């Protein structure tokens, strides 16, 4: 069957187009082939280097973790000098988390030895490290303040811990500890209203340590804040809300109070029996 003139022209144009594209590709490869191949090889090498770097970082983290555990073991074994040497090496490694852990433990060792000034200076480095999580920095600042408490003026303590005490959305997870130190500072100033309010706030916290809660309730009561009544009211409110939620989930909300199994139905049954 002979091809029509139109089909013959289309086939010819297609062949010409393919030939032109092949020539263009050959020209590109002749002019830029080495660069393209070199770029592909460089990309592969870079990807391989990235994988190797990640592997080395993982190994390094494992080594640091082992070194930190070894230092803790030396502390438990009563070898503070050897433990301090290991902790100082970790401190100089550059990783913020391990540096913080090393500084905290060194501070603890200094505090145990009675050198509170050196202990406070070490923990202050953690509080000032902006690369660390804010919660960890808050803990370090509270620890530093506790170590320096006897050397600081009450107003300095209150001012230092105010950002933690006043923090909202979210509140600091270390509010209770900061508030207790601040309340004690207010008390030493004779500002009993402010002290009582802070003790009352601590007492109302649902997840505060029992010992701290007990101290706060006693101090609040002594300063004229009825934290016991406040906690009782909050507890009752929580119980009522919990009961309502349970009833809603169980679908136990009768329309008229006289369905089977309800107090109204039980009263009706007893009335029938009496008849």
C-alpha atoms as a PDB file:
ATOM      1  CA  UNK A   1       0.000   0.000   0.000  1.00  0.00           C
ATOM      2  CA  UNK A   2       1.536   3.324  -1.068  1.00  0.00           C
ATOM      3  CA  UNK A   3       1.926   6.087   1.512  1.00  0.00           C
ATOM      4  CA  UNK A   4      -0.060   9.252   0.971  1.00  0.00           C
ATOM      5  CA  UNK A   5       1.922  12.463   0.332  1.00  0.00           C
ATOM      6  CA  UNK A   6       0.879  13.755   3.761  1.00  0.00           C
ATOM      7  CA  UNK A   7       2.118  10.682   5.665  1.00  0.00           C
ATOM      8  CA  UNK A   8       5.348  10.702   3.646  1.00  0.00           C
ATOM      9  CA  UNK A   9       6.013  14.319   4.575  1.00  0.00           C
ATOM     10  CA  UNK A  10       5.288  13.653   8.278  1.00  0.00           C
ATOM     11  CA  UNK A  11       7.697  10.718   8.339  1.00  0.00           C
ATOM     12  CA  UNK A  12      10.385  12.763   6.600  1.00  0.00           C
ATOM     13  CA  UNK A  13       9.966  15.683   9.028  1.00  0.00           C
ATOM     14  CA  UNK A  14      10.156  13.300  11.985  1.00  0.00           C
ATOM     15  CA  UNK A  15      13.408  11.805  10.711  1.00  0.00           C
ATOM     16  CA  UNK A  16      14.848  15.280  10.181  1.00  0.00           C
ATOM     17  CA  UNK A  17      13.802  16.335  13.694  1.00  0.00           C
ATOM     18  CA  UNK A  18      15.399  13.253  15.260  1.00  0.00           C
ATOM     19  CA  UNK A  19      18.600  13.850  13.287  1.00  0.00           C
ATOM     20  CA  UNK A  20      18.728  17.475  14.456  1.00  0.00           C
ATOM     21  CA  UNK A  21      18.219  16.447  18.099  1.00  0.00           C
ATOM     22  CA  UNK A  22      20.943  13.810  17.828  1.00  0.00           C
ATOM     23  CA  UNK A  23      23.340  16.379  16.389  1.00  0.00           C
ATOM     24  CA  UNK A  24      22.494  18.818  19.192  1.00  0.00           C
ATOM     25  CA  UNK A  25      23.033  16.125  21.836  1.00  0.00           C
ATOM     26  CA  UNK A  26      26.351  15.137  20.271  1.00  0.00           C
ATOM     27  CA  UNK A  27      27.443  18.767  20.279  1.00  0.00           C
ATOM     28  CA  UNK A  28      26.450  19.187  23.926  1.00  0.00           C
ATOM     29  CA  UNK A  29      28.325  16.053  24.953  1.00  0.00           C
ATOM     30  CA  UNK A  30      31.386  17.100  22.971  1.00  0.00           C
ATOM     31  CA  UNK A  31      31.426  20.575  24.526  1.00  0.00           C
ATOM     32  CA  UNK A  32      30.157  19.890  28.055  1.00  0.00           C
ATOM     33  CA  UNK A  33      30.396  16.120  28.484  1.00  0.00           C
ATOM     34  CA  UNK A  34      33.406  16.251  30.776  1.00  0.00           C
ATOM     35  CA  UNK A  35      31.786  18.927  32.926  1.00  0.00           C
ATOM     36  CA  UNK A  36      28.550  16.976  33.226  1.00  0.00           C
ATOM     37  CA  UNK A  37      30.383  13.778  34.121  1.00  0.00           C
ATOM     38  CA  UNK A  38      32.563  15.659  36.589  1.00  0.00           C
ATOM     39  CA  UNK A  39      29.513  17.236  38.230  1.00  0.00           C
ATOM     40  CA  UNK A  40      27.821  13.842  38.575  1.00  0.00           C
ATOM     41  CA  UNK A  41      30.952  12.353  40.148  1.00  0.00           C
ATOM     42  CA  UNK A  42      31.281  15.357  42.491  1.00  0.00           C
ATOM     43  CA  UNK A  43      27.649  14.990  43.564  1.00  0.00           C
ATOM     44  CA  UNK A  44      28.170  11.300  44.333  1.00  0.00           C
ATOM     45  CA  UNK A  45      31.331  12.072  46.295  1.00  0.00           C
ATOM     46  CA  UNK A  46      29.541  14.802  48.257  1.00  0.00           C
ATOM     47  CA  UNK A  47      26.658  12.469  49.093  1.00  0.00           C
ATOM     48  CA  UNK A  48      29.083   9.765  50.162  1.00  0.00           C
ATOM     49  CA  UNK A  49      30.964  12.286  52.301  1.00  0.00           C
ATOM     50  CA  UNK A  50      27.724  13.371  53.961  1.00  0.00           C
ATOM     51  CA  UNK A  51      26.870   9.772  54.837  1.00  0.00           C
ATOM     52  CA  UNK A  52      30.352   9.207  56.216  1.00  0.00           C
ATOM     53  CA  UNK A  53      30.166  12.420  58.256  1.00  0.00           C
ATOM     54  CA  UNK A  54      26.826  11.343  59.736  1.00  0.00           C
ATOM     55  CA  UNK A  55      28.310   7.963  60.600  1.00  0.00           C
ATOM     56  CA  UNK A  56      31.285   9.592  62.322  1.00  0.00           C
ATOM     57  CA  UNK A  57      28.988  11.929  64.253  1.00  0.00           C
ATOM     58  CA  UNK A  58      26.986   8.963  65.489  1.00  0.00           C
ATOM     59  CA  UNK A  59      30.157   7.205  66.610  1.00  0.00           C
ATOM     60  CA  UNK A  60      31.372  10.388  68.342  1.00  0.00           C
ATOM     61  CA  UNK A  61      28.077  10.744  70.221  1.00  0.00           C
ATOM     62  CA  UNK A  62      28.354   7.164  71.378  1.00  0.00           C
ATOM     63  CA  UNK A  63      31.900   7.732  72.591  1.00  0.00           C
ATOM     64  CA  UNK A  64      30.855  10.856  74.507  1.00  0.00           C
ATOM     65  CA  UNK A  65      27.972   9.015  76.127  1.00  0.00           C
ATOM     66  CA  UNK A  66      30.325   6.248  77.233  1.00  0.00           C
ATOM     67  CA  UNK A  67      32.790   8.823  78.582  1.00  0.00           C
ATOM     68  CA  UNK A  68      30.014  10.545  80.564  1.00  0.00           C
ATOM     69  CA  UNK A  69      28.815   7.245  82.026  1.00  0.00           C
ATOM     70  CA  UNK A  70      32.403   6.366  82.952  1.00  0.00           C
ATOM     71  CA  UNK A  71      32.751   9.704  84.763  1.00  0.00           C
ATOM     72  CA  UNK A  72      29.522   9.056  86.685  1.00  0.00           C
ATOM     73  CA  UNK A  73      30.801   5.613  87.647  1.00  0.00           C
ATOM     74  CA  UNK A  74      33.984   7.174  89.042  1.00  0.00           C
ATOM     75  CA  UNK A  75      31.881   9.578  91.096  1.00  0.00           C
ATOM     76  CA  UNK A  76      29.935   6.656  92.558  1.00  0.00           C
ATOM     77  CA  UNK A  77      33.199   4.825  93.235  1.00  0.00           C
ATOM     78  CA  UNK A  78      34.481   7.746  95.280  1.00  0.00           C
ATOM     79  CA  UNK A  79      37.034   8.971  92.736  1.00  0.00           C
ATOM     80  CA  UNK A  80      36.158  12.685  92.371  1.00  0.00           C
ATOM     81  CA  UNK A  81      39.561  13.706  91.013  1.00  0.00           C
ATOM     82  CA  UNK A  82      39.501  11.166  88.194  1.00  0.00           C
ATOM     83  CA  UNK A  83      35.832  11.943  87.486  1.00  0.00           C
ATOM     84  CA  UNK A  84      36.548  15.678  87.297  1.00  0.00           C
ATOM     85  CA  UNK A  85      39.307  15.087  84.753  1.00  0.00           C
ATOM     86  CA  UNK A  86      36.909  13.137  82.525  1.00  0.00           C
ATOM     87  CA  UNK A  87      34.198  15.757  82.958  1.00  0.00           C
ATOM     88  CA  UNK A  88      36.554  18.586  82.015  1.00  0.00           C
ATOM     89  CA  UNK A  89      37.455  16.719  78.825  1.00  0.00           C
ATOM     90  CA  UNK A  90      33.755  16.431  77.939  1.00  0.00           C
ATOM     91  CA  UNK A  91      33.228  20.099  78.759  1.00  0.00           C
ATOM     92  CA  UNK A  92      35.781  21.082  76.123  1.00  0.00           C
ATOM     93  CA  UNK A  93      34.302  18.829  73.414  1.00  0.00           C
ATOM     94  CA  UNK A  94      31.872  21.489  72.184  1.00  0.00           C
ATOM     95  CA  UNK A  95      28.593  19.532  72.237  1.00  0.00           C
ATOM     96  CA  UNK A  96      26.123  21.698  74.239  1.00  0.00           C
ATOM     97  CA  UNK A  97      24.255  18.812  75.861  1.00  0.00           C
ATOM     98  CA  UNK A  98      27.358  16.924  77.021  1.00  0.00           C
ATOM     99  CA  UNK A  99      29.031  20.164  78.078  1.00  0.00           C
ATOM    100  CA  UNK A 100      26.006  20.999  80.228  1.00  0.00           C
ATOM    101  CA  UNK A 101      25.950  17.530  81.795  1.00  0.00           C
ATOM    102  CA  UNK A 102      29.670  17.762  82.569  1.00  0.00           C
ATOM    103  CA  UNK A 103      29.305  21.220  84.125  1.00  0.00           C
ATOM    104  CA  UNK A 104      26.321  20.187  86.251  1.00  0.00           C
ATOM    105  CA  UNK A 105      28.151  17.171  87.642  1.00  0.00           C
ATOM    106  CA  UNK A 106      31.308  19.205  88.312  1.00  0.00           C
ATOM    107  CA  UNK A 107      29.136  21.724  90.150  1.00  0.00           C
ATOM    108  CA  UNK A 108      27.635  18.930  92.250  1.00  0.00           C
ATOM    109  CA  UNK A 109      31.107  17.675  93.160  1.00  0.00           C
ATOM    110  CA  UNK A 110      32.207  21.168  94.216  1.00  0.00           C
ATOM    111  CA  UNK A 111      29.063  21.597  96.312  1.00  0.00           C
ATOM    112  CA  UNK A 112      29.658  18.261  98.040  1.00  0.00           C
ATOM    113  CA  UNK A 113      33.182  19.355  98.887  1.00  0.00           C
ATOM    114  CA  UNK A 114      31.844  22.572 100.430  1.00  0.00           C
ATOM    115  CA  UNK A 115      33.090  24.944  97.725  1.00  0.00           C
ATOM    116  CA  UNK A 116      29.764  26.631  97.039  1.00  0.00           C
ATOM    117  CA  UNK A 117      31.304  29.576  95.207  1.00  0.00           C
ATOM    118  CA  UNK A 118      33.003  27.334  92.629  1.00  0.00           C
ATOM    119  CA  UNK A 119      29.843  25.207  92.356  1.00  0.00           C
ATOM    120  CA  UNK A 120      27.747  28.309  91.604  1.00  0.00           C
ATOM    121  CA  UNK A 121      30.258  29.527  88.993  1.00  0.00           C
ATOM    122  CA  UNK A 122      30.116  26.199  87.151  1.00  0.00           C
ATOM    123  CA  UNK A 123      26.335  25.942  87.094  1.00  0.00           C
ATOM    124  CA  UNK A 124      26.126  29.594  86.019  1.00  0.00           C
ATOM    125  CA  UNK A 125      27.783  28.595  82.729  1.00  0.00           C
ATOM    126  CA  UNK A 126      24.848  26.281  82.031  1.00  0.00           C
ATOM    127  CA  UNK A 127      22.312  28.988  82.879  1.00  0.00           C
ATOM    128  CA  UNK A 128      24.014  31.389  80.456  1.00  0.00           C
ATOM    129  CA  UNK A 129      24.324  28.951  77.526  1.00  0.00           C
ATOM    130  CA  UNK A 130      21.824  30.086  74.878  1.00  0.00           C
ATOM    131  CA  UNK A 131      22.339  26.877  72.888  1.00  0.00           C
ATOM    132  CA  UNK A 132      20.571  24.857  75.580  1.00  0.00           C
ATOM    133  CA  UNK A 133      16.846  24.263  76.093  1.00  0.00           C
ATOM    134  CA  UNK A 134      15.216  26.967  78.221  1.00  0.00           C
ATOM    135  CA  UNK A 135      13.956  24.454  80.784  1.00  0.00           C
ATOM    136  CA  UNK A 136      17.518  23.253  81.447  1.00  0.00           C
ATOM    137  CA  UNK A 137      18.723  26.843  81.737  1.00  0.00           C
ATOM    138  CA  UNK A 138      15.924  27.614  84.226  1.00  0.00           C
ATOM    139  CA  UNK A 139      16.961  24.646  86.347  1.00  0.00           C
ATOM    140  CA  UNK A 140      20.586  25.798  86.310  1.00  0.00           C
ATOM    141  CA  UNK A 141      19.618  29.357  87.305  1.00  0.00           C
ATOM    142  CA  UNK A 142      17.564  28.068  90.241  1.00  0.00           C
ATOM    143  CA  UNK A 143      20.439  25.836  91.319  1.00  0.00           C
ATOM    144  CA  UNK A 144      22.877  28.741  91.042  1.00  0.00           C
ATOM    145  CA  UNK A 145      20.565  30.944  93.125  1.00  0.00           C
ATOM    146  CA  UNK A 146      20.184  28.271  95.801  1.00  0.00           C
ATOM    147  CA  UNK A 147      23.966  27.934  96.056  1.00  0.00           C
ATOM    148  CA  UNK A 148      24.401  31.718  96.306  1.00  0.00           C
ATOM    149  CA  UNK A 149      21.302  32.362  98.425  1.00  0.00           C
ATOM    150  CA  UNK A 150      23.118  33.349 101.609  1.00  0.00           C
ATOM    151  CA  UNK A 151      25.339  35.822  99.742  1.00  0.00           C
ATOM    152  CA  UNK A 152      22.601  37.562  97.741  1.00  0.00           C
ATOM    153  CA  UNK A 153      20.246  40.327  98.783  1.00  0.00           C
ATOM    154  CA  UNK A 154      16.540  39.405  98.748  1.00  0.00           C
ATOM    155  CA  UNK A 155      15.776  41.886  95.962  1.00  0.00           C
ATOM    156  CA  UNK A 156      18.525  40.322  93.806  1.00  0.00           C
ATOM    157  CA  UNK A 157      16.999  36.863  94.281  1.00  0.00           C
ATOM    158  CA  UNK A 158      13.522  38.103  93.385  1.00  0.00           C
ATOM    159  CA  UNK A 159      14.754  39.967  90.305  1.00  0.00           C
ATOM    160  CA  UNK A 160      16.823  37.015  89.080  1.00  0.00           C
ATOM    161  CA  UNK A 161      13.978  34.517  89.343  1.00  0.00           C
ATOM    162  CA  UNK A 162      11.165  36.834  88.224  1.00  0.00           C
ATOM    163  CA  UNK A 163      11.237  35.675  84.561  1.00  0.00           C
ATOM    164  CA  UNK A 164      10.696  32.088  85.705  1.00  0.00           C
ATOM    165  CA  UNK A 165       8.011  32.969  88.265  1.00  0.00           C
ATOM    166  CA  UNK A 166       6.108  35.224  85.847  1.00  0.00           C
ATOM    167  CA  UNK A 167       6.457  33.016  82.760  1.00  0.00           C
ATOM    168  CA  UNK A 168       3.135  32.169  81.068  1.00  0.00           C
ATOM    169  CA  UNK A 169       2.066  30.397  77.878  1.00  0.00           C
ATOM    170  CA  UNK A 170       3.855  28.219  78.682  1.00  0.00           C
ATOM    171  CA  UNK A 171       4.680  28.475  82.358  1.00  0.00           C
ATOM    172  CA  UNK A 172       8.124  27.314  83.365  1.00  0.00           C
ATOM    173  CA  UNK A 173       8.305  23.702  84.516  1.00  0.00           C
ATOM    174  CA  UNK A 174      10.532  25.004  87.329  1.00  0.00           C
ATOM    175  CA  UNK A 175       8.000  27.537  88.632  1.00  0.00           C
ATOM    176  CA  UNK A 176       7.527  25.839  92.011  1.00  0.00           C
ATOM    177  CA  UNK A 177      11.225  25.876  92.918  1.00  0.00           C
ATOM    178  CA  UNK A 178      11.710  29.450  91.724  1.00  0.00           C
ATOM    179  CA  UNK A 179       8.574  30.601  93.524  1.00  0.00           C
ATOM    180  CA  UNK A 180       9.664  29.037  96.818  1.00  0.00           C
ATOM    181  CA  UNK A 181      13.032  30.829  96.725  1.00  0.00           C
ATOM    182  CA  UNK A 182      11.291  34.088  95.783  1.00  0.00           C
ATOM    183  CA  UNK A 183       8.709  33.668  98.558  1.00  0.00           C
ATOM    184  CA  UNK A 184      11.481  33.140 101.092  1.00  0.00           C
ATOM    185  CA  UNK A 185      13.149  36.319  99.837  1.00  0.00           C
ATOM    186  CA  UNK A 186       9.895  38.268 100.157  1.00  0.00           C
ATOM    187  CA  UNK A 187       9.462  36.871 103.676  1.00  0.00           C
ATOM    188  CA  UNK A 188      12.939  38.035 104.701  1.00  0.00           C
ATOM    189  CA  UNK A 189      12.003  41.522 103.435  1.00  0.00           C
ATOM    190  CA  UNK A 190       8.880  41.510 105.562  1.00  0.00           C
ATOM    191  CA  UNK A 191       6.638  41.463 102.488  1.00  0.00           C
ATOM    192  CA  UNK A 192       4.344  38.803 103.855  1.00  0.00           C
ATOM    193  CA  UNK A 193       1.482  39.351 101.411  1.00  0.00           C
ATOM    194  CA  UNK A 194       3.686  38.652  98.382  1.00  0.00           C
ATOM    195  CA  UNK A 195       5.255  35.679 100.127  1.00  0.00           C
ATOM    196  CA  UNK A 196       1.864  34.231 101.060  1.00  0.00           C
ATOM    197  CA  UNK A 197       0.528  34.616  97.522  1.00  0.00           C
ATOM    198  CA  UNK A 198       3.481  32.707  96.079  1.00  0.00           C
ATOM    199  CA  UNK A 199       3.197  29.935  98.661  1.00  0.00           C
ATOM    200  CA  UNK A 200      -0.507  29.722  97.856  1.00  0.00           C
ATOM    201  CA  UNK A 201       0.218  29.376  94.125  1.00  0.00           C
ATOM    202  CA  UNK A 202       2.679  26.587  94.811  1.00  0.00           C
ATOM    203  CA  UNK A 203       0.176  24.778  97.037  1.00  0.00           C
ATOM    204  CA  UNK A 204      -2.440  24.821  94.252  1.00  0.00           C
ATOM    205  CA  UNK A 205      -0.200  23.064  91.738  1.00  0.00           C
ATOM    206  CA  UNK A 206      -1.572  19.583  90.967  1.00  0.00           C
ATOM    207  CA  UNK A 207       1.745  17.856  90.292  1.00  0.00           C
ATOM    208  CA  UNK A 208       4.052  19.494  92.832  1.00  0.00           C
ATOM    209  CA  UNK A 209       6.178  17.311  95.119  1.00  0.00           C
ATOM    210  CA  UNK A 210       4.358  16.396  98.335  1.00  0.00           C
ATOM    211  CA  UNK A 211       7.093  17.772 100.586  1.00  0.00           C
ATOM    212  CA  UNK A 212       7.089  21.128  98.790  1.00  0.00           C
ATOM    213  CA  UNK A 213       3.302  21.187  98.765  1.00  0.00           C
ATOM    214  CA  UNK A 214       3.179  20.542 102.503  1.00  0.00           C
ATOM    215  CA  UNK A 215       5.679  23.321 103.240  1.00  0.00           C
ATOM    216  CA  UNK A 216       3.795  25.720 100.987  1.00  0.00           C
ATOM    217  CA  UNK A 217       0.425  24.990 102.596  1.00  0.00           C
ATOM    218  CA  UNK A 218       1.875  25.564 106.065  1.00  0.00           C
ATOM    219  CA  UNK A 219       3.644  28.794 105.086  1.00  0.00           C
ATOM    220  CA  UNK A 220       0.618  30.101 103.182  1.00  0.00           C
ATOM    221  CA  UNK A 221      -1.645  29.398 106.156  1.00  0.00           C
ATOM    222  CA  UNK A 222       0.771  31.108 108.531  1.00  0.00           C
ATOM    223  CA  UNK A 223       0.733  34.161 106.247  1.00  0.00           C
ATOM    224  CA  UNK A 224      -3.059  34.310 106.013  1.00  0.00           C
ATOM    225  CA  UNK A 225      -3.641  32.458 102.739  1.00  0.00           C
ATOM    226  CA  UNK A 226      -6.038  29.508 103.094  1.00  0.00           C
ATOM    227  CA  UNK A 227      -4.368  27.208 100.554  1.00  0.00           C
ATOM    228  CA  UNK A 228      -6.077  24.153 102.090  1.00  0.00           C
ATOM    229  CA  UNK A 229      -9.551  25.482 101.286  1.00  0.00           C
ATOM    230  CA  UNK A 230      -8.443  26.464  97.797  1.00  0.00           C
ATOM    231  CA  UNK A 231      -7.110  22.985  97.130  1.00  0.00           C
ATOM    232  CA  UNK A 232     -10.268  21.385  98.515  1.00  0.00           C
ATOM    233  CA  UNK A 233     -12.449  23.497  96.225  1.00  0.00           C
ATOM    234  CA  UNK A 234     -10.300  22.673  93.212  1.00  0.00           C
ATOM    235  CA  UNK A 235     -10.345  18.964  94.105  1.00  0.00           C
ATOM    236  CA  UNK A 236     -14.150  18.984  94.404  1.00  0.00           C
ATOM    237  CA  UNK A 237     -14.468  20.802  91.077  1.00  0.00           C
ATOM    238  CA  UNK A 238     -12.213  18.244  89.411  1.00  0.00           C
ATOM    239  CA  UNK A 239     -14.252  15.361  90.860  1.00  0.00           C
ATOM    240  CA  UNK A 240     -17.534  16.882  89.629  1.00  0.00           C
ATOM    241  CA  UNK A 241     -16.143  17.470  86.153  1.00  0.00           C
ATOM    242  CA  UNK A 242     -14.789  13.929  86.061  1.00  0.00           C
ATOM    243  CA  UNK A 243     -18.166  12.495  87.069  1.00  0.00           C
ATOM    244  CA  UNK A 244     -19.933  14.525  84.391  1.00  0.00           C
ATOM    245  CA  UNK A 245     -17.489  13.378  81.765  1.00  0.00           C
ATOM    246  CA  UNK A 246     -17.907   9.744  82.788  1.00  0.00           C
ATOM    247  CA  UNK A 247     -21.695  10.042  82.674  1.00  0.00           C
ATOM    248  CA  UNK A 248     -21.557  11.683  79.258  1.00  0.00           C
ATOM    249  CA  UNK A 249     -19.302   8.954  77.858  1.00  0.00           C
ATOM    250  CA  UNK A 250     -21.485   6.191  79.265  1.00  0.00           C
ATOM    251  CA  UNK A 251     -24.641   7.808  77.883  1.00  0.00           C
ATOM    252  CA  UNK A 252     -26.189   7.724  81.344  1.00  0.00           C
ATOM    253  CA  UNK A 253     -28.154  10.960  81.198  1.00  0.00           C
ATOM    254  CA  UNK A 254     -31.860  10.008  81.659  1.00  0.00           C
ATOM    255  CA  UNK A 255     -34.457  12.359  80.253  1.00  0.00           C
ATOM    256  CA  UNK A 256     -36.975  12.388  83.128  1.00  0.00           C
ATOM    257  CA  UNK A 257     -35.147  10.632  85.975  1.00  0.00           C
ATOM    258  CA  UNK A 258     -37.532   7.636  85.948  1.00  0.00           C
ATOM    259  CA  UNK A 259     -35.869   5.266  83.464  1.00  0.00           C
ATOM    260  CA  UNK A 260     -34.971   1.751  84.541  1.00  0.00           C
ATOM    261  CA  UNK A 261     -31.902   1.724  86.743  1.00  0.00           C
ATOM    262  CA  UNK A 262     -32.231   5.384  87.807  1.00  0.00           C
ATOM    263  CA  UNK A 263     -33.080   6.695  91.318  1.00  0.00           C
ATOM    264  CA  UNK A 264     -36.547   7.682  90.075  1.00  0.00           C
ATOM    265  CA  UNK A 265     -37.233   4.203  88.718  1.00  0.00           C
ATOM    266  CA  UNK A 266     -36.014   2.565  91.948  1.00  0.00           C
ATOM    267  CA  UNK A 267     -38.350   4.791  94.002  1.00  0.00           C
ATOM    268  CA  UNK A 268     -41.296   3.933  91.737  1.00  0.00           C
ATOM    269  CA  UNK A 269     -40.599   0.199  92.102  1.00  0.00           C
ATOM    270  CA  UNK A 270     -40.526   0.435  95.885  1.00  0.00           C
ATOM    271  CA  UNK A 271     -43.836   2.344  95.826  1.00  0.00           C
ATOM    272  CA  UNK A 272     -45.488  -0.421  93.775  1.00  0.00           C
ATOM    273  CA  UNK A 273     -44.168  -3.064  96.178  1.00  0.00           C
ATOM    274  CA  UNK A 274     -45.633  -1.171  99.131  1.00  0.00           C
ATOM    275  CA  UNK A 275     -49.049  -1.142  97.443  1.00  0.00           C
END
